[in-house]
Protein backbone atom coordinates (compact mmCIF):
# COMPACT_ATOMS: atom_id res chain seq x y z
CA MET A 1 78.22 113.33 47.78
CA TRP A 2 77.68 110.40 45.53
CA ARG A 3 78.48 106.77 45.54
CA GLU A 4 79.71 104.85 42.54
CA VAL A 5 78.25 101.38 42.08
CA VAL A 6 79.18 98.87 39.39
CA PHE A 7 76.53 96.53 37.99
CA ASP A 8 77.74 93.90 35.53
CA GLY A 9 80.47 96.13 34.12
CA TRP A 10 78.69 99.50 33.95
CA ALA A 11 78.87 102.25 36.55
CA SER A 12 75.98 104.23 37.96
CA LYS A 13 75.88 107.34 40.16
CA TYR A 14 73.29 108.22 42.74
CA SER A 15 73.06 110.55 45.72
CA VAL A 16 73.46 109.21 49.23
CA SER A 17 73.53 110.62 52.70
CA ILE A 18 75.87 109.27 55.34
CA ASN A 19 74.95 109.42 58.99
CA LYS A 20 77.38 111.68 60.87
CA ALA A 21 79.87 111.67 58.00
CA LYS A 22 80.65 114.62 55.77
CA ILE A 23 83.28 114.61 53.10
CA GLY A 24 84.89 117.99 52.71
CA ASN A 25 85.73 119.35 49.30
CA VAL A 26 89.30 119.05 48.13
CA SER A 27 90.92 121.15 45.45
CA ILE A 28 94.10 121.10 43.45
CA SER A 29 96.39 123.97 44.43
CA LYS A 30 99.10 123.42 41.85
CA VAL A 31 100.05 120.99 39.10
CA LYS A 32 103.69 121.13 38.03
CA ALA A 33 105.69 119.11 35.52
CA ALA A 34 108.51 117.85 37.73
CA ARG A 35 110.92 115.74 35.72
CA LYS A 36 110.68 113.69 32.59
CA LYS A 37 107.23 112.13 32.26
CA LYS A 38 106.26 113.03 35.86
CA VAL A 39 103.87 115.55 37.37
CA ASN A 40 103.53 116.74 40.99
CA VAL A 41 99.95 117.42 42.07
CA THR A 42 99.59 119.61 45.18
CA PHE A 43 96.15 119.65 46.82
CA THR A 44 94.33 120.79 49.94
CA THR A 45 93.25 118.08 52.36
CA ALA A 46 89.85 117.42 53.93
CA ASN A 47 89.20 116.27 57.49
CA GLY A 48 88.15 112.71 58.21
CA VAL A 49 88.95 111.19 54.81
CA VAL A 50 90.70 107.88 54.27
CA GLY A 51 92.21 108.59 50.86
CA TYR A 52 92.03 110.36 47.52
CA GLN A 53 91.57 109.70 43.83
CA ILE A 54 93.33 111.70 41.14
CA ARG A 55 91.77 111.50 37.69
CA TYR A 56 93.84 112.60 34.71
CA SER A 57 93.35 112.69 30.97
CA THR A 58 94.60 114.26 27.76
CA ASP A 59 90.98 115.25 27.05
CA LYS A 60 89.75 118.33 28.92
CA ASN A 61 86.24 116.87 29.22
CA PHE A 62 87.55 113.58 30.69
CA GLU A 63 85.75 111.48 28.08
CA LYS A 64 88.77 109.77 26.48
CA ASN A 65 92.11 108.47 27.78
CA VAL A 66 91.06 108.75 31.43
CA LYS A 67 93.11 107.16 34.20
CA ILE A 68 92.49 107.18 37.93
CA LYS A 69 95.05 106.80 40.72
CA THR A 70 93.69 105.83 44.14
CA PHE A 71 95.90 106.27 47.19
CA ASN A 72 95.70 106.46 50.98
CA LEU A 73 96.26 109.70 52.82
CA ASN A 74 99.67 108.59 54.15
CA LYS A 75 101.02 108.02 50.61
CA ALA A 76 100.95 111.75 49.86
CA LYS A 77 103.81 113.95 51.09
CA ILE A 78 103.00 116.75 53.51
CA VAL A 79 103.90 120.04 51.85
CA ASN A 80 102.60 122.82 54.06
CA GLY A 81 99.91 122.82 56.75
CA ASN A 82 96.83 121.31 55.13
CA LYS A 83 98.45 120.75 51.72
CA ARG A 84 99.85 117.50 50.39
CA ALA A 85 101.56 116.43 47.17
CA TYR A 86 101.40 113.27 45.08
CA THR A 87 103.52 112.37 42.04
CA ILE A 88 101.99 110.85 38.90
CA SER A 89 104.48 109.08 36.64
CA LYS A 90 104.59 107.26 33.29
CA LEU A 91 102.98 110.11 31.37
CA LYS A 92 103.56 110.90 27.70
CA LYS A 93 106.15 113.51 26.84
CA ASN A 94 105.10 116.92 25.40
CA LYS A 95 101.37 116.28 26.02
CA LYS A 96 98.86 118.41 27.90
CA TYR A 97 97.17 116.61 30.79
CA TYR A 98 94.16 117.67 32.83
CA PHE A 99 93.89 116.69 36.52
CA GLN A 100 91.04 116.45 39.03
CA ILE A 101 90.91 115.14 42.59
CA ARG A 102 88.28 113.85 45.02
CA ALA A 103 88.32 112.43 48.55
CA TYR A 104 86.74 109.24 49.85
CA VAL A 105 85.71 107.65 53.14
CA ASP A 106 84.95 104.02 53.93
CA ARG A 107 81.80 103.41 55.99
CA ASP A 108 79.85 100.18 56.53
CA ASN A 109 81.77 98.22 53.86
CA SER A 110 81.07 100.92 51.27
CA ARG A 111 83.20 103.69 49.81
CA TYR A 112 81.74 107.21 49.54
CA TYR A 113 83.25 109.94 47.34
CA SER A 114 83.20 113.73 47.29
CA ASP A 115 82.64 115.60 44.03
CA TRP A 116 85.49 115.99 41.54
CA SER A 117 87.42 119.25 41.87
CA LYS A 118 87.87 121.78 39.08
CA ALA A 119 90.39 120.65 36.47
CA LYS A 120 93.95 121.97 36.24
CA LYS A 121 96.19 121.45 33.21
CA VAL A 122 99.91 121.05 32.68
CA LYS A 123 102.23 120.18 29.81
CA VAL A 124 104.52 117.22 30.57
CA LYS A 125 108.26 117.61 29.99
């Protein structure tokens, strides 16, 4: 696990341990171009998390054109058992996008994140 901290506009990562709190790994099951300029991201859930972040980019290394969507657990639709789905909109037509996901928990006025999942790609309709 790592915690992201912002100091005067720049972000830093460092390892932390949380007493009695473990963040399970989440992974993307499927990424599908749904309708025009929209993508459905289906992912496995983790126990005890408050919400998720989906990071997406047109660059496979996530160095340029990176955007992050943060949402609570109840904003994602239940698909099947421990899988949920979230829709990303306002994407560019006929472009390849790469997606990653991570979970977070809030403890003691701080937010703690899991590691980013492996990337999945899709071409937007």
